[in-house]
PDB file of all heavy atoms in Angstrom:
ATOM      1  N   THR A   1       0.924   5.204  -4.168  1.00  0.00           N
ATOM      2  CA  THR A   1       0.723   5.346  -5.612  1.00  0.00           C
ATOM      3  C   THR A   1       2.007   5.114  -6.379  1.00  0.00           C
ATOM      4  O   THR A   1       2.032   4.424  -7.413  1.00  0.00           O
ATOM      5  CB  THR A   1       0.179   6.760  -5.932  1.00  0.00           C
ATOM      6  OG1 THR A   1      -1.043   6.968  -5.194  1.00  0.00           O
ATOM      7  CG2 THR A   1      -0.092   6.920  -7.418  1.00  0.00           C
ATOM      8  N   GLN A   2       3.099   5.684  -5.881  1.00  0.00           N
ATOM      9  CA  GLN A   2       4.398   5.531  -6.535  1.00  0.00           C
ATOM     10  C   GLN A   2       4.833   4.070  -6.548  1.00  0.00           C
ATOM     11  O   GLN A   2       5.326   3.551  -7.542  1.00  0.00           O
ATOM     12  CB  GLN A   2       5.418   6.388  -5.808  1.00  0.00           C
ATOM     13  CG  GLN A   2       6.809   6.362  -6.402  1.00  0.00           C
ATOM     14  CD  GLN A   2       7.776   7.276  -5.644  1.00  0.00           C
ATOM     15  OE1 GLN A   2       7.378   8.320  -5.130  1.00  0.00           O
ATOM     16  NE2 GLN A   2       9.021   6.883  -5.558  1.00  0.00           N
ATOM     17  N   GLU A   3       4.640   3.366  -5.411  1.00  0.00           N
ATOM     18  CA  GLU A   3       5.057   1.957  -5.336  1.00  0.00           C
ATOM     19  C   GLU A   3       4.215   1.076  -6.244  1.00  0.00           C
ATOM     20  O   GLU A   3       4.731   0.105  -6.828  1.00  0.00           O
ATOM     21  CB  GLU A   3       4.938   1.470  -3.883  1.00  0.00           C
ATOM     22  CG  GLU A   3       5.461   0.071  -3.643  1.00  0.00           C
ATOM     23  CD  GLU A   3       6.965  -0.071  -3.797  1.00  0.00           C
ATOM     24  OE1 GLU A   3       7.657   0.975  -3.916  1.00  0.00           O
ATOM     25  OE2 GLU A   3       7.440  -1.217  -3.815  1.00  0.00           O
ATOM     26  N   TYR A   4       2.940   1.392  -6.397  1.00  0.00           N
ATOM     27  CA  TYR A   4       2.032   0.574  -7.222  1.00  0.00           C
ATOM     28  C   TYR A   4       2.389   0.663  -8.705  1.00  0.00           C
ATOM     29  O   TYR A   4       2.051  -0.224  -9.487  1.00  0.00           O
ATOM     30  CB  TYR A   4       0.596   1.023  -6.984  1.00  0.00           C
ATOM     31  CG  TYR A   4      -0.450   0.020  -7.428  1.00  0.00           C
ATOM     32  CD1 TYR A   4      -0.395  -1.307  -7.020  1.00  0.00           C
ATOM     33  CD2 TYR A   4      -1.519   0.410  -8.247  1.00  0.00           C
ATOM     34  CE1 TYR A   4      -1.359  -2.219  -7.393  1.00  0.00           C
ATOM     35  CE2 TYR A   4      -2.490  -0.497  -8.632  1.00  0.00           C
ATOM     36  CZ  TYR A   4      -2.400  -1.805  -8.208  1.00  0.00           C
ATOM     37  OH  TYR A   4      -3.369  -2.718  -8.598  1.00  0.00           O
ATOM     38  N   ARG A   5       3.080   1.743  -9.070  1.00  0.00           N
ATOM     39  CA  ARG A   5       3.515   1.879 -10.471  1.00  0.00           C
ATOM     40  C   ARG A   5       4.706   0.991 -10.798  1.00  0.00           C
ATOM     41  O   ARG A   5       4.989   0.707 -11.949  1.00  0.00           O
ATOM     42  CB  ARG A   5       3.892   3.340 -10.758  1.00  0.00           C
ATOM     43  CG  ARG A   5       2.731   4.320 -10.700  1.00  0.00           C
ATOM     44  CD  ARG A   5       3.136   5.652 -11.297  1.00  0.00           C
ATOM     45  NE  ARG A   5       2.102   6.664 -11.117  1.00  0.00           N
ATOM     46  CZ  ARG A   5       2.229   7.747 -10.367  1.00  0.00           C
ATOM     47  NH1 ARG A   5       3.366   7.960  -9.714  1.00  0.00           N
ATOM     48  NH2 ARG A   5       1.263   8.611 -10.256  1.00  0.00           N
ATOM     49  N   ASN A   6       5.427   0.590  -9.745  1.00  0.00           N
ATOM     50  CA  ASN A   6       6.612  -0.260  -9.971  1.00  0.00           C
ATOM     51  C   ASN A   6       6.203  -1.704 -10.234  1.00  0.00           C
ATOM     52  O   ASN A   6       5.200  -2.187  -9.722  1.00  0.00           O
ATOM     53  CB  ASN A   6       7.540  -0.222  -8.752  1.00  0.00           C
ATOM     54  CG  ASN A   6       8.067   1.170  -8.477  1.00  0.00           C
ATOM     55  OD1 ASN A   6       8.198   1.980  -9.389  1.00  0.00           O
ATOM     56  ND2 ASN A   6       8.372   1.463  -7.218  1.00  0.00           N
ATOM     57  N   LYS A   7       7.012  -2.399 -11.016  1.00  0.00           N
ATOM     58  CA  LYS A   7       6.785  -3.825 -11.275  1.00  0.00           C
ATOM     59  C   LYS A   7       8.107  -4.557 -11.110  1.00  0.00           C
ATOM     60  O   LYS A   7       9.133  -4.125 -11.628  1.00  0.00           O
ATOM     61  CB  LYS A   7       6.218  -4.027 -12.672  1.00  0.00           C
ATOM     62  CG  LYS A   7       5.858  -5.486 -12.963  1.00  0.00           C
ATOM     63  CD  LYS A   7       5.184  -5.656 -14.326  1.00  0.00           C
ATOM     64  CE  LYS A   7       3.729  -5.273 -14.259  1.00  0.00           C
ATOM     65  NZ  LYS A   7       2.990  -5.662 -15.490  1.00  0.00           N
ATOM     66  N   SER A   8       8.088  -5.642 -10.363  1.00  0.00           N
ATOM     67  CA  SER A   8       9.313  -6.396 -10.102  1.00  0.00           C
ATOM     68  C   SER A   8       9.707  -7.237 -11.306  1.00  0.00           C
ATOM     69  O   SER A   8       8.934  -7.394 -12.261  1.00  0.00           O
ATOM     70  CB  SER A   8       9.122  -7.305  -8.889  1.00  0.00           C
ATOM     71  OG  SER A   8       8.278  -8.393  -9.220  1.00  0.00           O
ATOM     72  N   SER A   9      10.915  -7.809 -11.251  1.00  0.00           N
ATOM     73  CA  SER A   9      11.389  -8.668 -12.330  1.00  0.00           C
ATOM     74  C   SER A   9      10.556  -9.947 -12.410  1.00  0.00           C
ATOM     75  O   SER A   9      10.575 -10.653 -13.429  1.00  0.00           O
ATOM     76  CB  SER A   9      12.861  -9.030 -12.115  1.00  0.00           C
ATOM     77  OG  SER A   9      13.028  -9.748 -10.903  1.00  0.00           O
ATOM     78  N   LYS A  10       9.809 -10.259 -11.328  1.00  0.00           N
ATOM     79  CA  LYS A  10       8.941 -11.442 -11.326  1.00  0.00           C
ATOM     80  C   LYS A  10       7.564 -11.125 -11.911  1.00  0.00           C
ATOM     81  O   LYS A  10       6.699 -12.002 -12.015  1.00  0.00           O
ATOM     82  CB  LYS A  10       8.752 -11.967  -9.896  1.00  0.00           C
ATOM     83  CG  LYS A  10       9.951 -12.745  -9.359  1.00  0.00           C
ATOM     84  CD  LYS A  10      10.887 -11.884  -8.607  1.00  0.00           C
ATOM     85  CE  LYS A  10      11.961 -12.703  -7.873  1.00  0.00           C
ATOM     86  NZ  LYS A  10      12.987 -11.822  -7.263  1.00  0.00           N
ATOM     87  N   GLY A  11       7.342  -9.817 -12.242  1.00  0.00           N
ATOM     88  CA  GLY A  11       6.076  -9.437 -12.876  1.00  0.00           C
ATOM     89  C   GLY A  11       4.990  -8.958 -11.925  1.00  0.00           C
ATOM     90  O   GLY A  11       3.833  -8.806 -12.334  1.00  0.00           O
ATOM     91  N   TYR A  12       5.325  -8.678 -10.650  1.00  0.00           N
ATOM     92  CA  TYR A  12       4.323  -8.257  -9.676  1.00  0.00           C
ATOM     93  C   TYR A  12       4.403  -6.762  -9.397  1.00  0.00           C
ATOM     94  O   TYR A  12       5.498  -6.199  -9.297  1.00  0.00           O
ATOM     95  CB  TYR A  12       4.488  -9.032  -8.366  1.00  0.00           C
ATOM     96  CG  TYR A  12       4.167 -10.503  -8.480  1.00  0.00           C
ATOM     97  CD1 TYR A  12       5.159 -11.434  -8.747  1.00  0.00           C
ATOM     98  CD2 TYR A  12       2.843 -10.951  -8.336  1.00  0.00           C
ATOM     99  CE1 TYR A  12       4.875 -12.782  -8.866  1.00  0.00           C
ATOM    100  CE2 TYR A  12       2.545 -12.301  -8.441  1.00  0.00           C
ATOM    101  CZ  TYR A  12       3.557 -13.214  -8.715  1.00  0.00           C
ATOM    102  OH  TYR A  12       3.255 -14.548  -8.822  1.00  0.00           O
ATOM    103  N   LYS A  13       3.231  -6.136  -9.241  1.00  0.00           N
ATOM    104  CA  LYS A  13       3.177  -4.719  -8.904  1.00  0.00           C
ATOM    105  C   LYS A  13       3.626  -4.524  -7.449  1.00  0.00           C
ATOM    106  O   LYS A  13       3.487  -5.408  -6.616  1.00  0.00           O
ATOM    107  CB  LYS A  13       1.759  -4.179  -9.055  1.00  0.00           C
ATOM    108  CG  LYS A  13       1.286  -4.059 -10.498  1.00  0.00           C
ATOM    109  CD  LYS A  13      -0.121  -3.461 -10.532  1.00  0.00           C
ATOM    110  CE  LYS A  13      -0.593  -3.259 -11.961  1.00  0.00           C
ATOM    111  NZ  LYS A  13      -1.959  -2.688 -11.988  1.00  0.00           N
ATOM    112  N   GLY A  14       4.137  -3.319  -7.171  1.00  0.00           N
ATOM    113  CA  GLY A  14       4.503  -2.989  -5.790  1.00  0.00           C
ATOM    114  C   GLY A  14       3.259  -2.668  -4.985  1.00  0.00           C
ATOM    115  O   GLY A  14       2.469  -1.803  -5.367  1.00  0.00           O
ATOM    116  N   GLN A  15       3.057  -3.362  -3.879  1.00  0.00           N
ATOM    117  CA  GLN A  15       1.887  -3.136  -3.012  1.00  0.00           C
ATOM    118  C   GLN A  15       2.344  -2.829  -1.594  1.00  0.00           C
ATOM    119  O   GLN A  15       3.430  -3.243  -1.181  1.00  0.00           O
ATOM    120  CB  GLN A  15       0.979  -4.375  -3.023  1.00  0.00           C
ATOM    121  CG  GLN A  15       0.329  -4.644  -4.369  1.00  0.00           C
ATOM    122  CD  GLN A  15      -0.353  -5.992  -4.414  1.00  0.00           C
ATOM    123  OE1 GLN A  15       0.293  -7.014  -4.575  1.00  0.00           O
ATOM    124  NE2 GLN A  15      -1.672  -6.011  -4.265  1.00  0.00           N
ATOM    125  N   SER A  16       1.505  -2.119  -0.860  1.00  0.00           N
ATOM    126  CA  SER A  16       1.908  -1.604   0.464  1.00  0.00           C
ATOM    127  C   SER A  16       0.977  -2.094   1.567  1.00  0.00           C
ATOM    128  O   SER A  16      -0.218  -2.282   1.364  1.00  0.00           O
ATOM    129  CB  SER A  16       1.882  -0.074   0.446  1.00  0.00           C
ATOM    130  OG  SER A  16       2.722   0.442  -0.569  1.00  0.00           O
ATOM    131  N   ILE A  17       1.579  -2.280   2.757  1.00  0.00           N
ATOM    132  CA  ILE A  17       0.828  -2.417   3.998  1.00  0.00           C
ATOM    133  C   ILE A  17       1.088  -1.142   4.804  1.00  0.00           C
ATOM    134  O   ILE A  17       2.243  -0.773   5.008  1.00  0.00           O
ATOM    135  CB  ILE A  17       1.283  -3.630   4.823  1.00  0.00           C
ATOM    136  CG1 ILE A  17       1.059  -4.940   4.065  1.00  0.00           C
ATOM    137  CG2 ILE A  17       0.539  -3.693   6.164  1.00  0.00           C
ATOM    138  CD1 ILE A  17       1.641  -6.154   4.777  1.00  0.00           C
ATOM    139  N   VAL A  18       0.027  -0.485   5.234  1.00  0.00           N
ATOM    140  CA  VAL A  18       0.172   0.715   6.060  1.00  0.00           C
ATOM    141  C   VAL A  18      -0.332   0.384   7.460  1.00  0.00           C
ATOM    142  O   VAL A  18      -1.473  -0.018   7.644  1.00  0.00           O
ATOM    143  CB  VAL A  18      -0.644   1.894   5.486  1.00  0.00           C
ATOM    144  CG1 VAL A  18      -0.463   3.139   6.350  1.00  0.00           C
ATOM    145  CG2 VAL A  18      -0.220   2.180   4.037  1.00  0.00           C
ATOM    146  N   PHE A  19       0.549   0.546   8.451  1.00  0.00           N
ATOM    147  CA  PHE A  19       0.180   0.301   9.849  1.00  0.00           C
ATOM    148  C   PHE A  19      -0.160   1.614  10.527  1.00  0.00           C
ATOM    149  O   PHE A  19       0.580   2.588  10.417  1.00  0.00           O
ATOM    150  CB  PHE A  19       1.323  -0.380  10.598  1.00  0.00           C
ATOM    151  CG  PHE A  19       1.527  -1.816  10.236  1.00  0.00           C
ATOM    152  CD1 PHE A  19       2.658  -2.215   9.556  1.00  0.00           C
ATOM    153  CD2 PHE A  19       0.587  -2.777  10.580  1.00  0.00           C
ATOM    154  CE1 PHE A  19       2.861  -3.547   9.216  1.00  0.00           C
ATOM    155  CE2 PHE A  19       0.774  -4.113  10.242  1.00  0.00           C
ATOM    156  CZ  PHE A  19       1.910  -4.503   9.555  1.00  0.00           C
ATOM    157  N   THR A  20      -1.301   1.632  11.218  1.00  0.00           N
ATOM    158  CA  THR A  20      -1.686   2.816  11.957  1.00  0.00           C
ATOM    159  C   THR A  20      -2.247   2.412  13.321  1.00  0.00           C
ATOM    160  O   THR A  20      -2.229   1.234  13.680  1.00  0.00           O
ATOM    161  CB  THR A  20      -2.696   3.672  11.158  1.00  0.00           C
ATOM    162  OG1 THR A  20      -2.898   4.909  11.822  1.00  0.00           O
ATOM    163  CG2 THR A  20      -4.030   2.941  10.995  1.00  0.00           C
ATOM    164  N   TYR A  21      -2.754   3.377  14.080  1.00  0.00           N
ATOM    165  CA  TYR A  21      -3.037   3.147  15.499  1.00  0.00           C
ATOM    166  C   TYR A  21      -4.503   2.880  15.832  1.00  0.00           C
ATOM    167  O   TYR A  21      -4.815   2.500  16.961  1.00  0.00           O
ATOM    168  CB  TYR A  21      -2.539   4.324  16.338  1.00  0.00           C
ATOM    169  CG  TYR A  21      -3.156   5.651  15.944  1.00  0.00           C
ATOM    170  CD1 TYR A  21      -4.329   6.106  16.518  1.00  0.00           C
ATOM    171  CD2 TYR A  21      -2.554   6.453  14.969  1.00  0.00           C
ATOM    172  CE1 TYR A  21      -4.903   7.312  16.151  1.00  0.00           C
ATOM    173  CE2 TYR A  21      -3.105   7.659  14.598  1.00  0.00           C
ATOM    174  CZ  TYR A  21      -4.279   8.084  15.191  1.00  0.00           C
ATOM    175  OH  TYR A  21      -4.838   9.284  14.807  1.00  0.00           O
ATOM    176  N   SER A  22      -5.432   3.059  14.885  1.00  0.00           N
ATOM    177  CA  SER A  22      -6.845   2.846  15.222  1.00  0.00           C
ATOM    178  C   SER A  22      -7.622   2.447  13.976  1.00  0.00           C
ATOM    179  O   SER A  22      -7.212   2.708  12.834  1.00  0.00           O
ATOM    180  CB  SER A  22      -7.458   4.116  15.817  1.00  0.00           C
ATOM    181  OG  SER A  22      -7.600   5.116  14.818  1.00  0.00           O
ATOM    182  N   ARG A  23      -8.789   1.836  14.203  1.00  0.00           N
ATOM    183  CA  ARG A  23      -9.637   1.429  13.085  1.00  0.00           C
ATOM    184  C   ARG A  23     -10.138   2.638  12.312  1.00  0.00           C
ATOM    185  O   ARG A  23     -10.209   2.629  11.082  1.00  0.00           O
ATOM    186  CB  ARG A  23     -10.823   0.612  13.606  1.00  0.00           C
ATOM    187  CG  ARG A  23     -10.443  -0.688  14.278  1.00  0.00           C
ATOM    188  CD  ARG A  23     -11.691  -1.423  14.774  1.00  0.00           C
ATOM    189  NE  ARG A  23     -11.322  -2.574  15.595  1.00  0.00           N
ATOM    190  CZ  ARG A  23     -12.199  -3.379  16.166  1.00  0.00           C
ATOM    191  NH1 ARG A  23     -13.502  -3.162  15.996  1.00  0.00           N
ATOM    192  NH2 ARG A  23     -11.805  -4.408  16.893  1.00  0.00           N
ATOM    193  N   ALA A  24     -10.520   3.690  13.043  1.00  0.00           N
ATOM    194  CA  ALA A  24     -11.022   4.907  12.385  1.00  0.00           C
ATOM    195  C   ALA A  24      -9.954   5.490  11.459  1.00  0.00           C
ATOM    196  O   ALA A  24     -10.255   5.936  10.338  1.00  0.00           O
ATOM    197  CB  ALA A  24     -11.443   5.940  13.438  1.00  0.00           C
ATOM    198  N   ARG A  25      -8.705   5.476  11.921  1.00  0.00           N
ATOM    199  CA  ARG A  25      -7.611   6.001  11.096  1.00  0.00           C
ATOM    200  C   ARG A  25      -7.403   5.126   9.858  1.00  0.00           C
ATOM    201  O   ARG A  25      -7.053   5.627   8.794  1.00  0.00           O
ATOM    202  CB  ARG A  25      -6.336   6.046  11.943  1.00  0.00           C
ATOM    203  CG  ARG A  25      -5.109   6.601  11.248  1.00  0.00           C
ATOM    204  CD  ARG A  25      -5.149   8.098  11.077  1.00  0.00           C
ATOM    205  NE  ARG A  25      -3.858   8.597  10.644  1.00  0.00           N
ATOM    206  CZ  ARG A  25      -3.603   9.860  10.329  1.00  0.00           C
ATOM    207  NH1 ARG A  25      -4.559  10.766  10.421  1.00  0.00           N
ATOM    208  NH2 ARG A  25      -2.378  10.237   9.955  1.00  0.00           N
ATOM    209  N   CYS A  26      -7.627   3.814  10.005  1.00  0.00           N
ATOM    210  CA  CYS A  26      -7.524   2.912   8.832  1.00  0.00           C
ATOM    211  C   CYS A  26      -8.438   3.396   7.708  1.00  0.00           C
ATOM    212  O   CYS A  26      -8.020   3.500   6.538  1.00  0.00           O
ATOM    213  CB  CYS A  26      -7.923   1.484   9.216  1.00  0.00           C
ATOM    214  SG  CYS A  26      -6.732   0.584  10.193  1.00  0.00           S
ATOM    215  N   HIS A  27      -9.690   3.678   8.056  1.00  0.00           N
ATOM    216  CA  HIS A  27     -10.666   4.094   7.046  1.00  0.00           C
ATOM    217  C   HIS A  27     -10.348   5.483   6.500  1.00  0.00           C
ATOM    218  O   HIS A  27     -10.542   5.763   5.324  1.00  0.00           O
ATOM    219  CB  HIS A  27     -12.073   4.047   7.639  1.00  0.00           C
ATOM    220  CG  HIS A  27     -12.575   2.658   7.866  1.00  0.00           C
ATOM    221  ND1 HIS A  27     -13.062   1.852   6.860  1.00  0.00           N
ATOM    222  CD2 HIS A  27     -12.643   1.907   8.999  1.00  0.00           C
ATOM    223  CE1 HIS A  27     -13.421   0.673   7.339  1.00  0.00           C
ATOM    224  NE2 HIS A  27     -13.167   0.669   8.650  1.00  0.00           N
ATOM    225  N   GLU A  28      -9.853   6.361   7.375  1.00  0.00           N
ATOM    226  CA  GLU A  28      -9.499   7.714   6.947  1.00  0.00           C
ATOM    227  C   GLU A  28      -8.412   7.673   5.884  1.00  0.00           C
ATOM    228  O   GLU A  28      -8.489   8.356   4.858  1.00  0.00           O
ATOM    229  CB  GLU A  28      -9.046   8.531   8.160  1.00  0.00           C
ATOM    230  CG  GLU A  28      -8.747   9.985   7.853  1.00  0.00           C
ATOM    231  CD  GLU A  28      -8.252  10.758   9.069  1.00  0.00           C
ATOM    232  OE1 GLU A  28      -8.120  10.154  10.149  1.00  0.00           O
ATOM    233  OE2 GLU A  28      -7.974  11.976   8.921  1.00  0.00           O
ATOM    234  N   ILE A  29      -7.399   6.854   6.111  1.00  0.00           N
ATOM    235  CA  ILE A  29      -6.288   6.750   5.148  1.00  0.00           C
ATOM    236  C   ILE A  29      -6.753   6.057   3.872  1.00  0.00           C
ATOM    237  O   ILE A  29      -6.435   6.499   2.755  1.00  0.00           O
ATOM    238  CB  ILE A  29      -5.098   6.007   5.775  1.00  0.00           C
ATOM    239  CG1 ILE A  29      -4.539   6.784   6.965  1.00  0.00           C
ATOM    240  CG2 ILE A  29      -4.018   5.753   4.742  1.00  0.00           C
ATOM    241  CD1 ILE A  29      -3.486   6.033   7.759  1.00  0.00           C
ATOM    242  N   ALA A  30      -7.513   4.956   4.016  1.00  0.00           N
ATOM    243  CA  ALA A  30      -8.003   4.231   2.850  1.00  0.00           C
ATOM    244  C   ALA A  30      -8.876   5.117   1.974  1.00  0.00           C
ATOM    245  O   ALA A  30      -8.763   5.089   0.729  1.00  0.00           O
ATOM    246  CB  ALA A  30      -8.757   2.982   3.288  1.00  0.00           C
TER     247      ALA A  30
END
């Protein structure tokens, strides 16, 4: 959430990739 509030000098929002260990955990975090 904090990163998405940031905007670069090129005009793009901050976006994240989150790596985890299983598909089920992917959905839990999302």
